[in-house]
Amino acid sequence: MKWIIAMSVFLISLFGLILIPAGTGTAQQEQSATFNNLEMRIQHSPRSGWFLSSDYSYQLRKKNSNRNRSFTFYESGVLMVFIGTDDYDRMSKSTGSRTFHLMPYKEKQTPAFGMKDAVTVEAQLPGGHRAYFSTETGELTGIDGYAVATSPMLHFDEMVKKQGGVEIRPEKGFLLFDYGWRTGGSSISQLWKASSVIDGLGNKCGIKNGDVYFVDPKDKDEVIFKFNNNGDLDGFLMKKCPKLVR
């Protein structure tokens, strides 16, 4: 299916994805497993480190007319929601993503996943959070510190209207950068694009991607987040978004 190719190209171009075969002396081995309608993976990129992702199972994708929604979590706290479909012949018109950033920074952890109960997979995310997935729907159902809501997968035109059909809101003590939706690519690479920062009380601050990202001097097609720690991030937010509660 062409959306699988699109997803691979998407990750390679955005995050320098290179899969490392298990047992090659890396800090941990890559892992994958299927739990009913849910597929889970742990993979590695030399650019972004270890990351954890979920997908629909093959059977669920077929049931959904080859439409899929995946969630990929990175060490930086970035979450990319990828939508892939066969609704149009051109991949640029039938795939897209919405990108979030879970903040503040937490201590990085070794990613892992396993059954929490009969219908839930619990995952330790590389960015330090924990997330939960349904083995029945193949969807992300929760993240510690955040409320997650998903809508059913429909024709791609409807998913564009719903910006991927995923809404995430932070709880008290947490922040969320919402970089929005982009058809055929990732929104964070558009430095002129308007985004927002939301606190756990529902306060929202408008920013541009260029406020928090800059072009990688080694690769003009890549962008780098400007703040490597909570101190630097707080300094920026105090000036740009003083009404946010952190």
C-alpha atoms as a PDB file:
ATOM      1  CA  MET A   1       0.000   0.000   0.000  1.00  0.00           C
ATOM      2  CA  LYS A   2       1.309   3.399  -0.942  1.00  0.00           C
ATOM      3  CA  TRP A   3       0.732   4.958   2.493  1.00  0.00           C
ATOM      4  CA  ILE A   4       3.285   2.528   3.959  1.00  0.00           C
ATOM      5  CA  ILE A   5       5.849   3.844   1.493  1.00  0.00           C
ATOM      6  CA  ALA A   6       4.779   7.378   2.358  1.00  0.00           C
ATOM      7  CA  MET A   7       5.270   6.759   6.064  1.00  0.00           C
ATOM      8  CA  SER A   8       8.769   5.385   5.485  1.00  0.00           C
ATOM      9  CA  VAL A   9       9.760   8.304   3.251  1.00  0.00           C
ATOM     10  CA  PHE A  10       8.169  10.706   5.737  1.00  0.00           C
ATOM     11  CA  LEU A  11      10.308   9.444   8.616  1.00  0.00           C
ATOM     12  CA  ILE A  12      13.483   9.170   6.590  1.00  0.00           C
ATOM     13  CA  SER A  13      13.215  12.740   5.340  1.00  0.00           C
ATOM     14  CA  LEU A  14      12.193  14.247   8.665  1.00  0.00           C
ATOM     15  CA  PHE A  15      14.114  12.276  11.227  1.00  0.00           C
ATOM     16  CA  GLY A  16      16.958  10.534   9.378  1.00  0.00           C
ATOM     17  CA  LEU A  17      15.503   7.111  10.053  1.00  0.00           C
ATOM     18  CA  ILE A  18      17.908   4.204   9.725  1.00  0.00           C
ATOM     19  CA  LEU A  19      16.707   0.870  11.072  1.00  0.00           C
ATOM     20  CA  ILE A  20      19.332  -1.039  13.005  1.00  0.00           C
ATOM     21  CA  PRO A  21      18.930  -4.828  13.012  1.00  0.00           C
ATOM     22  CA  ALA A  22      18.546  -6.401  16.418  1.00  0.00           C
ATOM     23  CA  GLY A  23      21.709  -7.725  17.971  1.00  0.00           C
ATOM     24  CA  THR A  24      24.158  -5.279  16.408  1.00  0.00           C
ATOM     25  CA  GLY A  25      25.545  -4.036  19.708  1.00  0.00           C
ATOM     26  CA  THR A  26      23.174  -1.083  20.157  1.00  0.00           C
ATOM     27  CA  ALA A  27      22.103  -0.022  23.660  1.00  0.00           C
ATOM     28  CA  GLN A  28      18.930  -2.044  23.234  1.00  0.00           C
ATOM     29  CA  GLN A  29      17.351  -4.101  20.505  1.00  0.00           C
ATOM     30  CA  GLU A  30      14.541  -2.912  18.304  1.00  0.00           C
ATOM     31  CA  GLN A  31      11.258  -4.562  19.129  1.00  0.00           C
ATOM     32  CA  SER A  32       7.881  -5.093  17.500  1.00  0.00           C
ATOM     33  CA  ALA A  33       4.743  -6.950  18.491  1.00  0.00           C
ATOM     34  CA  THR A  34       1.086  -7.215  17.528  1.00  0.00           C
ATOM     35  CA  PHE A  35      -1.675  -7.158  20.126  1.00  0.00           C
ATOM     36  CA  ASN A  36      -4.980  -7.939  18.406  1.00  0.00           C
ATOM     37  CA  ASN A  37      -5.656  -4.751  16.341  1.00  0.00           C
ATOM     38  CA  LEU A  38      -2.579  -2.874  17.583  1.00  0.00           C
ATOM     39  CA  GLU A  39       1.010  -3.000  16.359  1.00  0.00           C
ATOM     40  CA  MET A  40       3.789  -1.608  18.581  1.00  0.00           C
ATOM     41  CA  ARG A  41       7.401  -0.886  17.615  1.00  0.00           C
ATOM     42  CA  ILE A  42      10.587   0.425  19.178  1.00  0.00           C
ATOM     43  CA  GLN A  43      13.100   1.704  16.616  1.00  0.00           C
ATOM     44  CA  HIS A  44      16.212   3.851  16.430  1.00  0.00           C
ATOM     45  CA  SER A  45      17.302   6.866  14.397  1.00  0.00           C
ATOM     46  CA  PRO A  46      20.877   8.212  14.522  1.00  0.00           C
ATOM     47  CA  ARG A  47      19.362  11.699  14.394  1.00  0.00           C
ATOM     48  CA  SER A  48      16.624  11.498  17.035  1.00  0.00           C
ATOM     49  CA  GLY A  49      17.573   8.439  19.093  1.00  0.00           C
ATOM     50  CA  TRP A  50      15.126   5.777  20.233  1.00  0.00           C
ATOM     51  CA  PHE A  51      11.465   6.209  19.443  1.00  0.00           C
ATOM     52  CA  LEU A  52       8.269   4.259  19.987  1.00  0.00           C
ATOM     53  CA  SER A  53       5.372   4.014  17.559  1.00  0.00           C
ATOM     54  CA  SER A  54       1.988   2.374  17.188  1.00  0.00           C
ATOM     55  CA  ASP A  55      -0.032   1.406  14.109  1.00  0.00           C
ATOM     56  CA  TYR A  56      -3.219  -0.418  13.258  1.00  0.00           C
ATOM     57  CA  SER A  57      -2.786  -4.123  12.595  1.00  0.00           C
ATOM     58  CA  TYR A  58      -2.919  -5.353   9.003  1.00  0.00           C
ATOM     59  CA  GLN A  59      -6.429  -6.734   9.564  1.00  0.00           C
ATOM     60  CA  LEU A  60      -7.691  -3.432  10.974  1.00  0.00           C
ATOM     61  CA  ARG A  61      -6.165  -1.440   8.115  1.00  0.00           C
ATOM     62  CA  LYS A  62      -7.940  -3.681   5.608  1.00  0.00           C
ATOM     63  CA  LYS A  63     -11.195  -3.321   7.534  1.00  0.00           C
ATOM     64  CA  ASN A  64     -10.736   0.478   7.435  1.00  0.00           C
ATOM     65  CA  SER A  65     -10.353   0.561   3.625  1.00  0.00           C
ATOM     66  CA  ASN A  66      -6.546   0.772   3.926  1.00  0.00           C
ATOM     67  CA  ARG A  67      -6.746   3.818   6.175  1.00  0.00           C
ATOM     68  CA  ASN A  68      -4.336   4.000   9.086  1.00  0.00           C
ATOM     69  CA  ARG A  69      -3.437   6.291  11.969  1.00  0.00           C
ATOM     70  CA  SER A  70      -0.075   5.906  13.696  1.00  0.00           C
ATOM     71  CA  PHE A  71       1.488   7.623  16.706  1.00  0.00           C
ATOM     72  CA  THR A  72       5.253   8.121  16.987  1.00  0.00           C
ATOM     73  CA  PHE A  73       6.905   9.389  20.188  1.00  0.00           C
ATOM     74  CA  TYR A  74      10.478  10.748  20.223  1.00  0.00           C
ATOM     75  CA  GLU A  75      13.053  11.353  22.953  1.00  0.00           C
ATOM     76  CA  SER A  76      12.525  15.108  22.554  1.00  0.00           C
ATOM     77  CA  GLY A  77       8.888  14.813  23.622  1.00  0.00           C
ATOM     78  CA  VAL A  78       7.612  15.297  20.066  1.00  0.00           C
ATOM     79  CA  LEU A  79       4.559  13.253  19.081  1.00  0.00           C
ATOM     80  CA  MET A  80       3.726  12.858  15.396  1.00  0.00           C
ATOM     81  CA  VAL A  81       0.268  11.599  14.430  1.00  0.00           C
ATOM     82  CA  PHE A  82       0.472  10.239  10.876  1.00  0.00           C
ATOM     83  CA  ILE A  83      -2.544   9.550   8.661  1.00  0.00           C
ATOM     84  CA  GLY A  84      -2.067   7.259   5.659  1.00  0.00           C
ATOM     85  CA  THR A  85      -4.786   6.287   3.158  1.00  0.00           C
ATOM     86  CA  ASP A  86      -5.340   4.996  -0.360  1.00  0.00           C
ATOM     87  CA  ASP A  87      -8.071   7.555  -0.998  1.00  0.00           C
ATOM     88  CA  TYR A  88      -6.099   9.325  -3.754  1.00  0.00           C
ATOM     89  CA  ASP A  89      -3.494   8.155  -6.242  1.00  0.00           C
ATOM     90  CA  ARG A  90      -0.950  10.776  -5.128  1.00  0.00           C
ATOM     91  CA  MET A  91       0.640  10.269  -1.716  1.00  0.00           C
ATOM     92  CA  SER A  92       0.907  14.032  -1.263  1.00  0.00           C
ATOM     93  CA  LYS A  93      -2.894  14.184  -1.311  1.00  0.00           C
ATOM     94  CA  SER A  94      -3.684  11.092   0.746  1.00  0.00           C
ATOM     95  CA  THR A  95      -1.240  11.348   3.676  1.00  0.00           C
ATOM     96  CA  GLY A  96      -0.516  13.941   6.337  1.00  0.00           C
ATOM     97  CA  SER A  97       0.374  14.534   9.953  1.00  0.00           C
ATOM     98  CA  ARG A  98      -0.328  16.572  13.045  1.00  0.00           C
ATOM     99  CA  THR A  99       2.583  17.244  15.378  1.00  0.00           C
ATOM    100  CA  PHE A 100       2.523  17.887  19.118  1.00  0.00           C
ATOM    101  CA  HIS A 101       5.220  18.472  21.729  1.00  0.00           C
ATOM    102  CA  LEU A 102       4.801  17.181  25.289  1.00  0.00           C
ATOM    103  CA  MET A 103       6.386  19.545  27.803  1.00  0.00           C
ATOM    104  CA  PRO A 104       8.067  20.217  30.170  1.00  0.00           C
ATOM    105  CA  TYR A 105      11.044  17.979  29.530  1.00  0.00           C
ATOM    106  CA  LYS A 106      11.189  14.802  31.574  1.00  0.00           C
ATOM    107  CA  GLU A 107      14.137  12.478  32.099  1.00  0.00           C
ATOM    108  CA  LYS A 108      14.627  10.256  29.064  1.00  0.00           C
ATOM    109  CA  GLN A 109      13.728   6.617  29.570  1.00  0.00           C
ATOM    110  CA  THR A 110      14.384   3.343  27.806  1.00  0.00           C
ATOM    111  CA  PRO A 111      11.254   2.779  25.689  1.00  0.00           C
ATOM    112  CA  ALA A 112       9.257  -0.349  26.423  1.00  0.00           C
ATOM    113  CA  PHE A 113       5.734  -1.711  26.127  1.00  0.00           C
ATOM    114  CA  GLY A 114       3.612  -4.531  27.537  1.00  0.00           C
ATOM    115  CA  MET A 115       0.087  -5.550  28.447  1.00  0.00           C
ATOM    116  CA  LYS A 116      -1.472  -3.530  31.287  1.00  0.00           C
ATOM    117  CA  ASP A 117      -4.764  -5.406  31.242  1.00  0.00           C
ATOM    118  CA  ALA A 118      -6.773  -7.541  28.835  1.00  0.00           C
ATOM    119  CA  VAL A 119      -7.407  -4.694  26.360  1.00  0.00           C
ATOM    120  CA  THR A 120      -4.679  -2.124  27.099  1.00  0.00           C
ATOM    121  CA  VAL A 121      -0.999  -1.845  26.212  1.00  0.00           C
ATOM    122  CA  GLU A 122       1.065   0.424  28.457  1.00  0.00           C
ATOM    123  CA  ALA A 123       4.194   2.027  27.004  1.00  0.00           C
ATOM    124  CA  GLN A 124       7.165   3.762  28.564  1.00  0.00           C
ATOM    125  CA  LEU A 125       7.904   6.573  26.121  1.00  0.00           C
ATOM    126  CA  PRO A 126      11.506   7.593  25.368  1.00  0.00           C
ATOM    127  CA  GLY A 127      10.707  11.175  26.400  1.00  0.00           C
ATOM    128  CA  GLY A 128       9.810  10.047  29.932  1.00  0.00           C
ATOM    129  CA  HIS A 129       6.008   9.925  29.779  1.00  0.00           C
ATOM    130  CA  ARG A 130       3.754   6.871  29.830  1.00  0.00           C
ATOM    131  CA  ALA A 131       1.082   6.209  27.226  1.00  0.00           C
ATOM    132  CA  TYR A 132      -1.775   3.753  26.833  1.00  0.00           C
ATOM    133  CA  PHE A 133      -3.197   2.081  23.724  1.00  0.00           C
ATOM    134  CA  SER A 134      -6.299   0.035  23.000  1.00  0.00           C
ATOM    135  CA  THR A 135      -5.764  -3.422  21.560  1.00  0.00           C
ATOM    136  CA  GLU A 136      -9.365  -3.332  20.300  1.00  0.00           C
ATOM    137  CA  THR A 137      -9.340  -0.018  18.392  1.00  0.00           C
ATOM    138  CA  GLY A 138      -5.595   0.253  17.712  1.00  0.00           C
ATOM    139  CA  GLU A 139      -5.697   3.815  19.054  1.00  0.00           C
ATOM    140  CA  LEU A 140      -3.809   5.881  21.603  1.00  0.00           C
ATOM    141  CA  THR A 141      -6.163   6.267  24.568  1.00  0.00           C
ATOM    142  CA  GLY A 142      -4.122   8.279  27.060  1.00  0.00           C
ATOM    143  CA  ILE A 143      -0.833   9.850  28.113  1.00  0.00           C
ATOM    144  CA  ASP A 144       0.033  10.543  31.743  1.00  0.00           C
ATOM    145  CA  GLY A 145      -0.549  14.281  32.213  1.00  0.00           C
ATOM    146  CA  TYR A 146      -2.679  14.649  29.076  1.00  0.00           C
ATOM    147  CA  ALA A 147      -6.253  13.948  27.958  1.00  0.00           C
ATOM    148  CA  VAL A 148      -6.489  12.237  24.579  1.00  0.00           C
ATOM    149  CA  ALA A 149      -9.523  11.967  22.289  1.00  0.00           C
ATOM    150  CA  THR A 150      -9.689  10.330  18.851  1.00  0.00           C
ATOM    151  CA  SER A 151     -12.407  10.222  16.203  1.00  0.00           C
ATOM    152  CA  PRO A 152     -13.007   7.328  13.770  1.00  0.00           C
ATOM    153  CA  MET A 153     -10.958   7.029  10.606  1.00  0.00           C
ATOM    154  CA  LEU A 154     -12.911   8.276   7.573  1.00  0.00           C
ATOM    155  CA  HIS A 155     -12.124   9.376   4.025  1.00  0.00           C
ATOM    156  CA  PHE A 156      -8.960  11.474   3.895  1.00  0.00           C
ATOM    157  CA  ASP A 157     -10.893  14.671   3.104  1.00  0.00           C
ATOM    158  CA  GLU A 158     -12.741  14.277   6.402  1.00  0.00           C
ATOM    159  CA  MET A 159      -9.506  13.569   8.276  1.00  0.00           C
ATOM    160  CA  VAL A 160      -8.039  16.817   6.925  1.00  0.00           C
ATOM    161  CA  LYS A 161     -11.044  18.718   8.284  1.00  0.00           C
ATOM    162  CA  LYS A 162     -10.479  17.059  11.661  1.00  0.00           C
ATOM    163  CA  GLN A 163      -6.690  17.655  11.519  1.00  0.00           C
ATOM    164  CA  GLY A 164      -6.095  13.918  11.799  1.00  0.00           C
ATOM    165  CA  GLY A 165      -8.928  13.265  14.223  1.00  0.00           C
ATOM    166  CA  VAL A 166      -6.802  13.528  17.369  1.00  0.00           C
ATOM    167  CA  GLU A 167      -7.148  16.102  20.144  1.00  0.00           C
ATOM    168  CA  ILE A 168      -4.740  16.314  23.081  1.00  0.00           C
ATOM    169  CA  ARG A 169      -4.992  18.654  26.057  1.00  0.00           C
ATOM    170  CA  PRO A 170      -2.536  19.018  28.944  1.00  0.00           C
ATOM    171  CA  GLU A 171      -3.487  18.613  32.572  1.00  0.00           C
ATOM    172  CA  LYS A 172      -2.290  20.839  35.408  1.00  0.00           C
ATOM    173  CA  GLY A 173       1.496  21.080  35.525  1.00  0.00           C
ATOM    174  CA  PHE A 174       1.971  20.156  31.862  1.00  0.00           C
ATOM    175  CA  LEU A 175       2.282  22.081  28.601  1.00  0.00           C
ATOM    176  CA  LEU A 176       1.460  21.164  25.021  1.00  0.00           C
ATOM    177  CA  PHE A 177       2.876  22.659  21.839  1.00  0.00           C
ATOM    178  CA  ASP A 178       0.370  22.101  19.040  1.00  0.00           C
ATOM    179  CA  TYR A 179       2.066  22.563  15.666  1.00  0.00           C
ATOM    180  CA  GLY A 180      -1.079  21.703  13.743  1.00  0.00           C
ATOM    181  CA  TRP A 181      -1.814  19.678  10.640  1.00  0.00           C
ATOM    182  CA  ARG A 182      -0.107  19.495   7.267  1.00  0.00           C
ATOM    183  CA  THR A 183      -1.216  17.423   4.287  1.00  0.00           C
ATOM    184  CA  GLY A 184       1.656  15.542   2.647  1.00  0.00           C
ATOM    185  CA  GLY A 185       4.288  16.591   5.176  1.00  0.00           C
ATOM    186  CA  SER A 186       5.112  17.779   8.684  1.00  0.00           C
ATOM    187  CA  SER A 187       3.978  21.167   9.958  1.00  0.00           C
ATOM    188  CA  ILE A 188       7.118  21.879  12.005  1.00  0.00           C
ATOM    189  CA  SER A 189       9.219  22.295   8.871  1.00  0.00           C
ATOM    190  CA  GLN A 190       7.158  25.373   7.956  1.00  0.00           C
ATOM    191  CA  LEU A 191       8.796  27.992  10.174  1.00  0.00           C
ATOM    192  CA  TRP A 192       6.284  30.675   9.171  1.00  0.00           C
ATOM    193  CA  LYS A 193       3.326  28.548  10.279  1.00  0.00           C
ATOM    194  CA  ALA A 194       1.272  29.655  13.300  1.00  0.00           C
ATOM    195  CA  SER A 195       1.179  27.233  16.235  1.00  0.00           C
ATOM    196  CA  SER A 196       0.069  27.404  19.844  1.00  0.00           C
ATOM    197  CA  VAL A 197       1.171  26.546  23.366  1.00  0.00           C
ATOM    198  CA  ILE A 198      -1.511  25.377  25.824  1.00  0.00           C
ATOM    199  CA  ASP A 199      -1.253  25.023  29.604  1.00  0.00           C
ATOM    200  CA  GLY A 200      -3.144  22.742  31.980  1.00  0.00           C
ATOM    201  CA  LEU A 201      -5.737  25.439  32.734  1.00  0.00           C
ATOM    202  CA  GLY A 202      -6.672  25.867  29.093  1.00  0.00           C
ATOM    203  CA  ASN A 203      -4.753  29.102  28.535  1.00  0.00           C
ATOM    204  CA  LYS A 204      -3.419  29.364  24.991  1.00  0.00           C
ATOM    205  CA  CYS A 205      -0.551  31.377  23.524  1.00  0.00           C
ATOM    206  CA  GLY A 206      -0.003  31.871  19.795  1.00  0.00           C
ATOM    207  CA  ILE A 207       3.500  31.443  18.404  1.00  0.00           C
ATOM    208  CA  LYS A 208       5.163  30.716  15.086  1.00  0.00           C
ATOM    209  CA  ASN A 209       7.229  27.623  14.472  1.00  0.00           C
ATOM    210  CA  GLY A 210      10.180  29.922  13.808  1.00  0.00           C
ATOM    211  CA  ASP A 211       9.987  31.079  17.439  1.00  0.00           C
ATOM    212  CA  VAL A 212      10.983  27.628  18.641  1.00  0.00           C
ATOM    213  CA  TYR A 213      12.691  25.986  15.645  1.00  0.00           C
ATOM    214  CA  PHE A 214      15.566  26.950  13.366  1.00  0.00           C
ATOM    215  CA  VAL A 215      16.904  25.453  10.152  1.00  0.00           C
ATOM    216  CA  ASP A 216      19.625  22.864  10.679  1.00  0.00           C
ATOM    217  CA  PRO A 217      22.830  24.456   9.289  1.00  0.00           C
ATOM    218  CA  LYS A 218      23.949  20.991   8.162  1.00  0.00           C
ATOM    219  CA  ASP A 219      20.712  20.191   6.349  1.00  0.00           C
ATOM    220  CA  LYS A 220      18.405  22.934   5.110  1.00  0.00           C
ATOM    221  CA  ASP A 221      15.515  20.468   4.901  1.00  0.00           C
ATOM    222  CA  GLU A 222      15.654  19.780   8.653  1.00  0.00           C
ATOM    223  CA  VAL A 223      14.727  21.910  11.661  1.00  0.00           C
ATOM    224  CA  ILE A 224      16.025  21.874  15.248  1.00  0.00           C
ATOM    225  CA  PHE A 225      14.166  22.803  18.437  1.00  0.00           C
ATOM    226  CA  LYS A 226      15.831  25.810  20.030  1.00  0.00           C
ATOM    227  CA  PHE A 227      15.546  24.801  23.687  1.00  0.00           C
ATOM    228  CA  ASN A 228      17.343  21.799  25.162  1.00  0.00           C
ATOM    229  CA  ASN A 229      16.172  22.076  28.771  1.00  0.00           C
ATOM    230  CA  ASN A 230      13.296  23.369  30.878  1.00  0.00           C
ATOM    231  CA  GLY A 231      15.243  26.396  32.067  1.00  0.00           C
ATOM    232  CA  ASP A 232      15.783  27.773  28.572  1.00  0.00           C
ATOM    233  CA  LEU A 233      12.215  26.910  27.604  1.00  0.00           C
ATOM    234  CA  ASP A 234      10.819  28.696  30.674  1.00  0.00           C
ATOM    235  CA  GLY A 235      12.870  31.767  29.829  1.00  0.00           C
ATOM    236  CA  PHE A 236      11.311  31.897  26.376  1.00  0.00           C
ATOM    237  CA  LEU A 237       7.780  31.322  27.653  1.00  0.00           C
ATOM    238  CA  MET A 238       8.076  33.976  30.361  1.00  0.00           C
ATOM    239  CA  LYS A 239       8.734  36.559  27.650  1.00  0.00           C
ATOM    240  CA  LYS A 240       6.531  35.227  24.849  1.00  0.00           C
ATOM    241  CA  CYS A 241       3.668  33.672  26.807  1.00  0.00           C
ATOM    242  CA  PRO A 242       3.622  35.229  30.312  1.00  0.00           C
ATOM    243  CA  LYS A 243       0.001  34.229  30.985  1.00  0.00           C
ATOM    244  CA  LEU A 244       0.688  30.521  30.706  1.00  0.00           C
ATOM    245  CA  VAL A 245       0.784  28.647  34.011  1.00  0.00           C
ATOM    246  CA  ARG A 246       3.805  26.328  34.179  1.00  0.00           C
END
